[in-house]
Amino acid sequence: MSGKLDISKNKNVVPTETESESESENEKDSGNDFGLSLEKLTLGPRKKLLVMNLSGLLLHRAFKRDTPRIPKHRRPDVVFGKHLGKTINTFMPHSEDFMKFCLERFEVGIWSSSIERNLNAALDCAIGGLRGKLLFAWDQVYCTDTGFKSLEKKTKPLFLKELRKIWESSDLGKRFSSSNTLLIDDSPYKAILNPANTGIFPASYNADNVNDTELGPRGALRLYLDGLVDAVDVASYVKEHPFGQPAISPTHSHWDFYSVVIQRFRNNQASKSNVPKK
C-alpha cells in the first residue's frame, strides 16, 4: 500500500516525525536565541483531513457475476480479475480533477472496505500519479468487523470505519481529531460509532448517469468542501450545513437493527476493558 505512509497489514510503519521532534530539530538548526521554529512560525492553520471511500464516491464497482450492478449505458473504464471474479470499474466524471482539488486544500486519506488487492488496483486506475500524495490508503483490515451482516446484502459483512483509529494512530502523529476530520462515505451506517457531525454521506454514484457533475467545478460536493476549508471546526460546519443522506439516528427506518449493533459493540468494549491485566 502506498501513499505518504507505507501502511502494511502488520502496521510496521516508519513513524512520522512528531510535532515535538520537529520543533526540537528546527530549534537546534535555527541558530538564534529565541528558539523559534518553522513549525511555530506557520503562516496558517493546518489542513483539515478528508477521509474518503472509493467505490460509490470516485467510482462504481461491480463484479461480473453481479449483473444488476453493471452499468447498462456505459462501457466500463477498467476491468480486472478473471472470469466471474472480474471487477468492473466505472469512474465518476471529474474524479481525478476532484482529487486534485481536495489535495490542494486538505490532507486526504482513502479508506475502503475492499481487500488490499482490489483497493490497490482501483486506486491506480482512479487517480493514477496522485496516489503518492495521499496521507494514507487503508483497506478492509482497518475497518471494524461487527460480526453482523449488511442489510443491503445478507452475505456482506457489516464493516464500520471508526475515526478514532485515525485520531489515535501514532503513524499519523495523533494530530487529527473530531474538530479537523471529515469522513465522506456513501454508506451512513459505516459511521455509526463515530461522534456526531464528523461525516457526510453523498448519494452513491450512478454509473449510468454520464452527465453527473457532482465532483465537477460547480458540483455540490466541491462547493461544500470549499466552504469547509476556512471553517473553524468540522463538526460545527457539518451541523450547520447538512449534506447528502442523513446520518443513522433513532429516527432512521432501520434504527432497531443499528441500535443493536451499537449496543453489542459497546458491551464488548466494556467487557474487554474490565478484563484484569496479567
C-alpha atoms as a PDB file:
ATOM      1  CA  MET A   1       0.000   0.000   0.000  1.00  0.00           C
ATOM      2  CA  SER A   2       1.423   3.366  -0.900  1.00  0.00           C
ATOM      3  CA  GLY A   3       0.932   6.983   0.000  1.00  0.00           C
ATOM      4  CA  LYS A   4       2.897   9.261   2.267  1.00  0.00           C
ATOM      5  CA  LEU A   5       2.789   6.425   4.725  1.00  0.00           C
ATOM      6  CA  ASP A   6       3.517   2.864   3.691  1.00  0.00           C
ATOM      7  CA  ILE A   7       0.999   1.163   5.927  1.00  0.00           C
ATOM      8  CA  SER A   8       1.043  -2.635   5.797  1.00  0.00           C
ATOM      9  CA  LYS A   9      -1.289  -5.165   7.356  1.00  0.00           C
ATOM     10  CA  ASN A  10       1.166  -5.669  10.168  1.00  0.00           C
ATOM     11  CA  LYS A  11       1.266  -1.908  10.562  1.00  0.00           C
ATOM     12  CA  ASN A  12       5.066  -1.938  10.632  1.00  0.00           C
ATOM     13  CA  VAL A  13       5.255   1.654   9.551  1.00  0.00           C
ATOM     14  CA  VAL A  14       8.068   4.118   9.837  1.00  0.00           C
ATOM     15  CA  PRO A  15       6.534   6.658  12.233  1.00  0.00           C
ATOM     16  CA  THR A  16       6.117  10.184  11.014  1.00  0.00           C
ATOM     17  CA  GLU A  17       8.099  12.793  12.870  1.00  0.00           C
ATOM     18  CA  THR A  18       6.118  14.022  15.850  1.00  0.00           C
ATOM     19  CA  GLU A  19       5.414  17.689  16.297  1.00  0.00           C
ATOM     20  CA  SER A  20       7.689  17.923  19.333  1.00  0.00           C
ATOM     21  CA  GLU A  21      10.565  16.210  17.486  1.00  0.00           C
ATOM     22  CA  SER A  22      10.067  18.536  14.532  1.00  0.00           C
ATOM     23  CA  GLU A  23      10.183  21.582  16.785  1.00  0.00           C
ATOM     24  CA  SER A  24      13.298  20.377  18.589  1.00  0.00           C
ATOM     25  CA  GLU A  25      15.121  19.777  15.334  1.00  0.00           C
ATOM     26  CA  ASN A  26      14.145  23.139  13.903  1.00  0.00           C
ATOM     27  CA  GLU A  27      15.171  24.933  17.076  1.00  0.00           C
ATOM     28  CA  LYS A  28      18.520  23.176  17.014  1.00  0.00           C
ATOM     29  CA  ASP A  29      19.167  24.362  13.479  1.00  0.00           C
ATOM     30  CA  SER A  30      17.784  27.870  13.845  1.00  0.00           C
ATOM     31  CA  GLY A  31      20.870  29.351  15.423  1.00  0.00           C
ATOM     32  CA  ASN A  32      19.040  32.120  17.267  1.00  0.00           C
ATOM     33  CA  ASP A  33      18.439  32.841  20.932  1.00  0.00           C
ATOM     34  CA  PHE A  34      14.674  32.769  20.699  1.00  0.00           C
ATOM     35  CA  GLY A  35      14.316  29.081  19.849  1.00  0.00           C
ATOM     36  CA  LEU A  36      11.707  29.893  17.208  1.00  0.00           C
ATOM     37  CA  SER A  37      10.902  27.019  14.875  1.00  0.00           C
ATOM     38  CA  LEU A  38       9.355  26.946  11.446  1.00  0.00           C
ATOM     39  CA  GLU A  39       6.509  24.968  12.988  1.00  0.00           C
ATOM     40  CA  LYS A  40       5.716  27.879  15.327  1.00  0.00           C
ATOM     41  CA  LEU A  41       6.017  30.389  12.501  1.00  0.00           C
ATOM     42  CA  THR A  42       3.475  28.595  10.316  1.00  0.00           C
ATOM     43  CA  LEU A  43       1.608  31.040   8.106  1.00  0.00           C
ATOM     44  CA  GLY A  44      -1.766  29.397   8.537  1.00  0.00           C
ATOM     45  CA  PRO A  45      -3.743  26.632  10.212  1.00  0.00           C
ATOM     46  CA  ARG A  46      -3.010  23.008   9.488  1.00  0.00           C
ATOM     47  CA  LYS A  47      -5.042  21.453   6.723  1.00  0.00           C
ATOM     48  CA  LYS A  48      -8.099  19.504   7.766  1.00  0.00           C
ATOM     49  CA  LEU A  49      -8.287  15.797   6.952  1.00  0.00           C
ATOM     50  CA  LEU A  50     -10.720  14.300   4.445  1.00  0.00           C
ATOM     51  CA  VAL A  51     -11.228  10.544   4.751  1.00  0.00           C
ATOM     52  CA  MET A  52     -12.930   9.322   1.584  1.00  0.00           C
ATOM     53  CA  ASN A  53     -14.223   5.994   0.424  1.00  0.00           C
ATOM     54  CA  LEU A  54     -13.549   4.855  -3.117  1.00  0.00           C
ATOM     55  CA  SER A  55     -16.430   2.815  -4.506  1.00  0.00           C
ATOM     56  CA  GLY A  56     -19.599   4.882  -4.551  1.00  0.00           C
ATOM     57  CA  LEU A  57     -17.774   8.201  -4.464  1.00  0.00           C
ATOM     58  CA  LEU A  58     -14.961   8.196  -7.033  1.00  0.00           C
ATOM     59  CA  LEU A  59     -16.037   5.121  -8.970  1.00  0.00           C
ATOM     60  CA  HIS A  60     -18.694   2.452  -9.362  1.00  0.00           C
ATOM     61  CA  ARG A  61     -17.504  -1.099  -8.787  1.00  0.00           C
ATOM     62  CA  ALA A  62     -19.336  -4.289  -9.684  1.00  0.00           C
ATOM     63  CA  PHE A  63     -18.386  -7.929 -10.032  1.00  0.00           C
ATOM     64  CA  LYS A  64     -19.154  -9.540 -13.364  1.00  0.00           C
ATOM     65  CA  ARG A  65     -21.444 -12.061 -11.656  1.00  0.00           C
ATOM     66  CA  ASP A  66     -23.452  -9.217 -10.063  1.00  0.00           C
ATOM     67  CA  THR A  67     -25.385  -8.377 -13.219  1.00  0.00           C
ATOM     68  CA  PRO A  68     -27.863  -5.843 -11.725  1.00  0.00           C
ATOM     69  CA  ARG A  69     -24.969  -3.598 -10.628  1.00  0.00           C
ATOM     70  CA  ILE A  70     -23.275  -3.487 -14.035  1.00  0.00           C
ATOM     71  CA  PRO A  71     -23.972  -0.179 -15.858  1.00  0.00           C
ATOM     72  CA  LYS A  72     -26.303  -0.650 -18.808  1.00  0.00           C
ATOM     73  CA  HIS A  73     -25.498   2.518 -20.730  1.00  0.00           C
ATOM     74  CA  ARG A  74     -21.742   2.850 -20.217  1.00  0.00           C
ATOM     75  CA  ARG A  75     -18.758   0.735 -21.025  1.00  0.00           C
ATOM     76  CA  PRO A  76     -16.507   0.107 -18.004  1.00  0.00           C
ATOM     77  CA  ASP A  77     -13.300   2.129 -17.788  1.00  0.00           C
ATOM     78  CA  VAL A  78     -11.287  -0.737 -16.305  1.00  0.00           C
ATOM     79  CA  VAL A  79     -11.878  -4.464 -15.879  1.00  0.00           C
ATOM     80  CA  PHE A  80      -9.504  -6.665 -13.903  1.00  0.00           C
ATOM     81  CA  GLY A  81      -9.591 -10.170 -12.472  1.00  0.00           C
ATOM     82  CA  LYS A  82     -10.610 -13.440 -14.086  1.00  0.00           C
ATOM     83  CA  HIS A  83     -13.888 -14.976 -15.224  1.00  0.00           C
ATOM     84  CA  LEU A  84     -16.807 -14.365 -12.832  1.00  0.00           C
ATOM     85  CA  GLY A  85     -14.454 -12.743 -10.338  1.00  0.00           C
ATOM     86  CA  LYS A  86     -13.800  -9.883 -12.741  1.00  0.00           C
ATOM     87  CA  THR A  87     -14.245  -6.462 -11.190  1.00  0.00           C
ATOM     88  CA  ILE A  88     -15.799  -3.836 -13.430  1.00  0.00           C
ATOM     89  CA  ASN A  89     -14.905  -0.241 -12.571  1.00  0.00           C
ATOM     90  CA  THR A  90     -16.569   2.853 -13.967  1.00  0.00           C
ATOM     91  CA  PHE A  91     -15.106   6.173 -12.868  1.00  0.00           C
ATOM     92  CA  MET A  92     -17.224   9.122 -11.873  1.00  0.00           C
ATOM     93  CA  PRO A  93     -16.849  12.143 -14.185  1.00  0.00           C
ATOM     94  CA  HIS A  94     -14.281  14.669 -12.902  1.00  0.00           C
ATOM     95  CA  SER A  95     -12.909  12.193 -10.313  1.00  0.00           C
ATOM     96  CA  GLU A  96      -9.225  12.910 -10.953  1.00  0.00           C
ATOM     97  CA  ASP A  97      -9.745  16.675 -11.110  1.00  0.00           C
ATOM     98  CA  PHE A  98     -11.785  16.470  -7.908  1.00  0.00           C
ATOM     99  CA  MET A  99      -8.924  14.664  -6.194  1.00  0.00           C
ATOM    100  CA  LYS A 100      -6.510  17.418  -7.272  1.00  0.00           C
ATOM    101  CA  PHE A 101      -8.907  19.972  -5.806  1.00  0.00           C
ATOM    102  CA  CYS A 102      -9.016  18.102  -2.487  1.00  0.00           C
ATOM    103  CA  LEU A 103      -5.259  17.586  -2.260  1.00  0.00           C
ATOM    104  CA  GLU A 104      -4.634  21.304  -2.745  1.00  0.00           C
ATOM    105  CA  ARG A 105      -6.870  22.213   0.199  1.00  0.00           C
ATOM    106  CA  PHE A 106      -6.828  19.240   2.569  1.00  0.00           C
ATOM    107  CA  GLU A 107      -4.881  16.290   3.800  1.00  0.00           C
ATOM    108  CA  VAL A 108      -6.534  13.315   2.105  1.00  0.00           C
ATOM    109  CA  GLY A 109      -6.766   9.673   3.097  1.00  0.00           C
ATOM    110  CA  ILE A 110      -8.616   6.870   1.337  1.00  0.00           C
ATOM    111  CA  TRP A 111     -10.396   4.292   3.473  1.00  0.00           C
ATOM    112  CA  SER A 112     -12.035   1.388   1.686  1.00  0.00           C
ATOM    113  CA  SER A 113     -13.789  -1.716   2.971  1.00  0.00           C
ATOM    114  CA  SER A 114     -12.327  -3.612  -0.002  1.00  0.00           C
ATOM    115  CA  ILE A 115      -9.455  -6.038   0.355  1.00  0.00           C
ATOM    116  CA  GLU A 116      -5.988  -4.630  -0.276  1.00  0.00           C
ATOM    117  CA  ARG A 117      -5.582  -6.132  -3.750  1.00  0.00           C
ATOM    118  CA  ASN A 118      -8.799  -4.591  -5.062  1.00  0.00           C
ATOM    119  CA  LEU A 119      -8.094  -1.252  -3.407  1.00  0.00           C
ATOM    120  CA  ASN A 120      -4.647  -1.014  -4.965  1.00  0.00           C
ATOM    121  CA  ALA A 121      -5.887  -1.822  -8.462  1.00  0.00           C
ATOM    122  CA  ALA A 122      -8.779   0.629  -8.255  1.00  0.00           C
ATOM    123  CA  LEU A 123      -6.641   3.433  -6.810  1.00  0.00           C
ATOM    124  CA  ASP A 124      -4.002   3.105  -9.501  1.00  0.00           C
ATOM    125  CA  CYS A 125      -6.671   3.437 -12.165  1.00  0.00           C
ATOM    126  CA  ALA A 126      -8.837   6.078 -10.498  1.00  0.00           C
ATOM    127  CA  ILE A 127      -6.261   8.690  -9.501  1.00  0.00           C
ATOM    128  CA  GLY A 128      -3.018   7.490 -11.080  1.00  0.00           C
ATOM    129  CA  GLY A 129       0.007   9.566 -10.121  1.00  0.00           C
ATOM    130  CA  LEU A 130      -1.903  11.418  -7.406  1.00  0.00           C
ATOM    131  CA  ARG A 131      -1.803   8.353  -5.189  1.00  0.00           C
ATOM    132  CA  GLY A 132       1.617   9.289  -3.852  1.00  0.00           C
ATOM    133  CA  LYS A 133       0.124  12.472  -2.379  1.00  0.00           C
ATOM    134  CA  LEU A 134      -2.359  10.637  -0.157  1.00  0.00           C
ATOM    135  CA  LEU A 135      -1.706  10.705   3.566  1.00  0.00           C
ATOM    136  CA  PHE A 136      -2.747   7.066   3.781  1.00  0.00           C
ATOM    137  CA  ALA A 137      -4.705   4.370   1.946  1.00  0.00           C
ATOM    138  CA  TRP A 138      -6.455   1.978   4.306  1.00  0.00           C
ATOM    139  CA  ASP A 139      -8.206  -1.210   3.263  1.00  0.00           C
ATOM    140  CA  GLN A 140     -10.613  -3.640   4.908  1.00  0.00           C
ATOM    141  CA  VAL A 141      -8.057  -4.629   7.560  1.00  0.00           C
ATOM    142  CA  TYR A 142      -8.516  -1.263   9.288  1.00  0.00           C
ATOM    143  CA  CYS A 143     -12.321  -1.494   9.373  1.00  0.00           C
ATOM    144  CA  THR A 144     -14.232  -2.798  12.376  1.00  0.00           C
ATOM    145  CA  ASP A 145     -15.953  -6.115  11.646  1.00  0.00           C
ATOM    146  CA  THR A 146     -19.116  -6.058  13.754  1.00  0.00           C
ATOM    147  CA  GLY A 147     -19.919  -9.731  13.247  1.00  0.00           C
ATOM    148  CA  PHE A 148     -23.239  -8.705  11.683  1.00  0.00           C
ATOM    149  CA  LYS A 149     -24.251  -8.896   8.035  1.00  0.00           C
ATOM    150  CA  SER A 150     -25.245  -5.889   5.965  1.00  0.00           C
ATOM    151  CA  LEU A 151     -28.910  -5.131   5.372  1.00  0.00           C
ATOM    152  CA  GLU A 152     -28.168  -4.436   1.715  1.00  0.00           C
ATOM    153  CA  LYS A 153     -26.720  -7.909   1.125  1.00  0.00           C
ATOM    154  CA  LYS A 154     -27.076 -10.826   3.526  1.00  0.00           C
ATOM    155  CA  THR A 155     -23.655 -12.294   2.669  1.00  0.00           C
ATOM    156  CA  LYS A 156     -21.806  -8.986   3.087  1.00  0.00           C
ATOM    157  CA  PRO A 157     -20.082  -8.360   6.449  1.00  0.00           C
ATOM    158  CA  LEU A 158     -21.088  -5.150   8.210  1.00  0.00           C
ATOM    159  CA  PHE A 159     -17.834  -3.185   8.334  1.00  0.00           C
ATOM    160  CA  LEU A 160     -17.544   0.142  10.157  1.00  0.00           C
ATOM    161  CA  LYS A 161     -14.978   2.932   9.912  1.00  0.00           C
ATOM    162  CA  GLU A 162     -14.056   4.209  13.367  1.00  0.00           C
ATOM    163  CA  LEU A 163     -12.364   7.579  13.074  1.00  0.00           C
ATOM    164  CA  ARG A 164     -10.795   7.094  16.496  1.00  0.00           C
ATOM    165  CA  LYS A 165      -8.360   4.683  14.820  1.00  0.00           C
ATOM    166  CA  ILE A 166      -7.043   7.630  12.821  1.00  0.00           C
ATOM    167  CA  TRP A 167      -7.054  10.003  15.777  1.00  0.00           C
ATOM    168  CA  GLU A 168      -5.165   7.526  17.966  1.00  0.00           C
ATOM    169  CA  SER A 169      -2.690   6.498  15.274  1.00  0.00           C
ATOM    170  CA  SER A 170       0.934   7.178  16.169  1.00  0.00           C
ATOM    171  CA  ASP A 171       1.770   6.691  12.495  1.00  0.00           C
ATOM    172  CA  LEU A 172      -0.313   9.774  11.707  1.00  0.00           C
ATOM    173  CA  GLY A 173       1.180  11.805  14.539  1.00  0.00           C
ATOM    174  CA  LYS A 174      -2.023  11.930  16.606  1.00  0.00           C
ATOM    175  CA  ARG A 175      -2.667  15.354  15.093  1.00  0.00           C
ATOM    176  CA  PHE A 176      -6.254  14.809  13.989  1.00  0.00           C
ATOM    177  CA  SER A 177      -9.494  14.882  15.964  1.00  0.00           C
ATOM    178  CA  SER A 178     -13.222  15.432  15.582  1.00  0.00           C
ATOM    179  CA  SER A 179     -12.533  19.133  15.085  1.00  0.00           C
ATOM    180  CA  ASN A 180     -10.474  18.690  11.911  1.00  0.00           C
ATOM    181  CA  THR A 181     -11.553  15.371  10.355  1.00  0.00           C
ATOM    182  CA  LEU A 182     -14.385  14.696   7.903  1.00  0.00           C
ATOM    183  CA  LEU A 183     -15.434  11.241   6.704  1.00  0.00           C
ATOM    184  CA  ILE A 184     -17.040  11.175   3.247  1.00  0.00           C
ATOM    185  CA  ASP A 185     -18.809   7.894   2.525  1.00  0.00           C
ATOM    186  CA  ASP A 186     -21.906   6.876   0.605  1.00  0.00           C
ATOM    187  CA  SER A 187     -22.878   4.392   3.365  1.00  0.00           C
ATOM    188  CA  PRO A 188     -24.034   6.250   6.508  1.00  0.00           C
ATOM    189  CA  TYR A 189     -24.004   3.077   8.619  1.00  0.00           C
ATOM    190  CA  LYS A 190     -20.213   2.888   8.423  1.00  0.00           C
ATOM    191  CA  ALA A 191     -20.054   5.912  10.730  1.00  0.00           C
ATOM    192  CA  ILE A 192     -22.435   4.752  13.482  1.00  0.00           C
ATOM    193  CA  LEU A 193     -19.635   4.531  16.070  1.00  0.00           C
ATOM    194  CA  ASN A 194     -18.237   7.987  15.307  1.00  0.00           C
ATOM    195  CA  PRO A 195     -19.045  11.276  17.085  1.00  0.00           C
ATOM    196  CA  ALA A 196     -21.941  13.232  15.604  1.00  0.00           C
ATOM    197  CA  ASN A 197     -21.277  15.577  12.684  1.00  0.00           C
ATOM    198  CA  THR A 198     -17.908  14.097  11.694  1.00  0.00           C
ATOM    199  CA  GLY A 199     -19.157  12.658   8.408  1.00  0.00           C
ATOM    200  CA  ILE A 200     -21.239  13.452   5.342  1.00  0.00           C
ATOM    201  CA  PHE A 201     -22.874  10.864   3.114  1.00  0.00           C
ATOM    202  CA  PRO A 202     -23.357  11.748  -0.563  1.00  0.00           C
ATOM    203  CA  ALA A 203     -25.679   9.552  -2.598  1.00  0.00           C
ATOM    204  CA  SER A 204     -23.953   6.603  -4.259  1.00  0.00           C
ATOM    205  CA  TYR A 205     -22.625   7.284  -7.728  1.00  0.00           C
ATOM    206  CA  ASN A 206     -24.940   6.097 -10.513  1.00  0.00           C
ATOM    207  CA  ALA A 207     -22.617   4.952 -13.302  1.00  0.00           C
ATOM    208  CA  ASP A 208     -25.384   5.195 -15.910  1.00  0.00           C
ATOM    209  CA  ASN A 209     -25.577   8.949 -15.346  1.00  0.00           C
ATOM    210  CA  VAL A 210     -22.924  10.061 -17.830  1.00  0.00           C
ATOM    211  CA  ASN A 211     -23.719  13.726 -17.162  1.00  0.00           C
ATOM    212  CA  ASP A 212     -23.058  13.587 -13.414  1.00  0.00           C
ATOM    213  CA  THR A 213     -21.422  16.847 -12.273  1.00  0.00           C
ATOM    214  CA  GLU A 214     -21.282  16.183  -8.510  1.00  0.00           C
ATOM    215  CA  LEU A 215     -17.467  16.271  -8.483  1.00  0.00           C
ATOM    216  CA  GLY A 216     -17.156  18.961 -11.149  1.00  0.00           C
ATOM    217  CA  PRO A 217     -16.008  22.585 -10.660  1.00  0.00           C
ATOM    218  CA  ARG A 218     -19.515  23.752  -9.709  1.00  0.00           C
ATOM    219  CA  GLY A 219     -20.625  20.438  -8.264  1.00  0.00           C
ATOM    220  CA  ALA A 220     -22.403  20.356  -4.908  1.00  0.00           C
ATOM    221  CA  LEU A 221     -19.722  18.373  -3.098  1.00  0.00           C
ATOM    222  CA  ARG A 222     -16.877  20.555  -4.307  1.00  0.00           C
ATOM    223  CA  LEU A 223     -18.708  23.723  -3.284  1.00  0.00           C
ATOM    224  CA  TYR A 224     -19.447  22.195   0.113  1.00  0.00           C
ATOM    225  CA  LEU A 225     -15.796  21.351   0.714  1.00  0.00           C
ATOM    226  CA  ASP A 226     -14.717  24.780  -0.475  1.00  0.00           C
ATOM    227  CA  GLY A 227     -16.727  26.216   2.409  1.00  0.00           C
ATOM    228  CA  LEU A 228     -15.196  23.752   4.848  1.00  0.00           C
ATOM    229  CA  VAL A 229     -11.641  24.924   4.163  1.00  0.00           C
ATOM    230  CA  ASP A 230     -11.952  28.076   6.282  1.00  0.00           C
ATOM    231  CA  ALA A 231     -14.393  26.681   8.844  1.00  0.00           C
ATOM    232  CA  VAL A 232     -13.148  26.852  12.420  1.00  0.00           C
ATOM    233  CA  ASP A 233     -14.491  23.429  13.346  1.00  0.00           C
ATOM    234  CA  VAL A 234     -15.602  20.485  11.191  1.00  0.00           C
ATOM    235  CA  ALA A 235     -18.415  19.308  13.479  1.00  0.00           C
ATOM    236  CA  SER A 236     -19.932  22.783  13.713  1.00  0.00           C
ATOM    237  CA  TYR A 237     -19.772  23.237   9.939  1.00  0.00           C
ATOM    238  CA  VAL A 238     -21.427  19.872   9.273  1.00  0.00           C
ATOM    239  CA  LYS A 239     -24.154  20.563  11.835  1.00  0.00           C
ATOM    240  CA  GLU A 240     -24.925  23.945  10.304  1.00  0.00           C
ATOM    241  CA  HIS A 241     -24.697  22.708   6.696  1.00  0.00           C
ATOM    242  CA  PRO A 242     -26.387  19.295   6.291  1.00  0.00           C
ATOM    243  CA  PHE A 243     -25.330  17.452   3.146  1.00  0.00           C
ATOM    244  CA  GLY A 244     -26.443  14.278   1.377  1.00  0.00           C
ATOM    245  CA  GLN A 245     -28.050  11.358   3.183  1.00  0.00           C
ATOM    246  CA  PRO A 246     -28.870  11.796   6.880  1.00  0.00           C
ATOM    247  CA  ALA A 247     -26.708  10.101   9.483  1.00  0.00           C
ATOM    248  CA  ILE A 248     -28.046   6.974  11.188  1.00  0.00           C
ATOM    249  CA  SER A 249     -30.090   8.124  14.204  1.00  0.00           C
ATOM    250  CA  PRO A 250     -33.098   6.965  16.263  1.00  0.00           C
ATOM    251  CA  THR A 251     -35.386   8.323  13.518  1.00  0.00           C
ATOM    252  CA  HIS A 252     -33.828   6.062  10.867  1.00  0.00           C
ATOM    253  CA  SER A 253     -36.100   3.356   9.441  1.00  0.00           C
ATOM    254  CA  HIS A 254     -33.602   0.637  10.410  1.00  0.00           C
ATOM    255  CA  TRP A 255     -32.673   2.033  13.818  1.00  0.00           C
ATOM    256  CA  ASP A 256     -33.834  -1.151  15.556  1.00  0.00           C
ATOM    257  CA  PHE A 257     -31.100  -3.062  13.731  1.00  0.00           C
ATOM    258  CA  TYR A 258     -28.311  -0.499  14.039  1.00  0.00           C
ATOM    259  CA  SER A 259     -29.031   0.203  17.704  1.00  0.00           C
ATOM    260  CA  VAL A 260     -28.429  -3.498  18.418  1.00  0.00           C
ATOM    261  CA  VAL A 261     -25.104  -3.323  16.559  1.00  0.00           C
ATOM    262  CA  ILE A 262     -24.052  -0.257  18.553  1.00  0.00           C
ATOM    263  CA  GLN A 263     -25.079  -1.732  21.900  1.00  0.00           C
ATOM    264  CA  ARG A 264     -23.410  -5.070  21.178  1.00  0.00           C
ATOM    265  CA  PHE A 265     -20.193  -3.304  20.268  1.00  0.00           C
ATOM    266  CA  ARG A 266     -20.262  -1.132  23.399  1.00  0.00           C
ATOM    267  CA  ASN A 267     -20.906  -4.164  25.584  1.00  0.00           C
ATOM    268  CA  ASN A 268     -17.964  -5.985  24.019  1.00  0.00           C
ATOM    269  CA  GLN A 269     -15.713  -2.979  24.558  1.00  0.00           C
ATOM    270  CA  ALA A 270     -16.807  -2.708  28.185  1.00  0.00           C
ATOM    271  CA  SER A 271     -16.087  -6.399  28.738  1.00  0.00           C
ATOM    272  CA  LYS A 272     -12.595  -6.043  27.308  1.00  0.00           C
ATOM    273  CA  SER A 273     -11.824  -3.008  29.461  1.00  0.00           C
ATOM    274  CA  ASN A 274     -12.886  -4.896  32.595  1.00  0.00           C
ATOM    275  CA  VAL A 275     -10.563  -7.840  31.983  1.00  0.00           C
ATOM    276  CA  PRO A 276      -7.825  -7.776  34.678  1.00  0.00           C
ATOM    277  CA  LYS A 277      -4.348  -7.202  33.313  1.00  0.00           C
ATOM    278  CA  LYS A 278      -1.920 -10.047  33.920  1.00  0.00           C
END
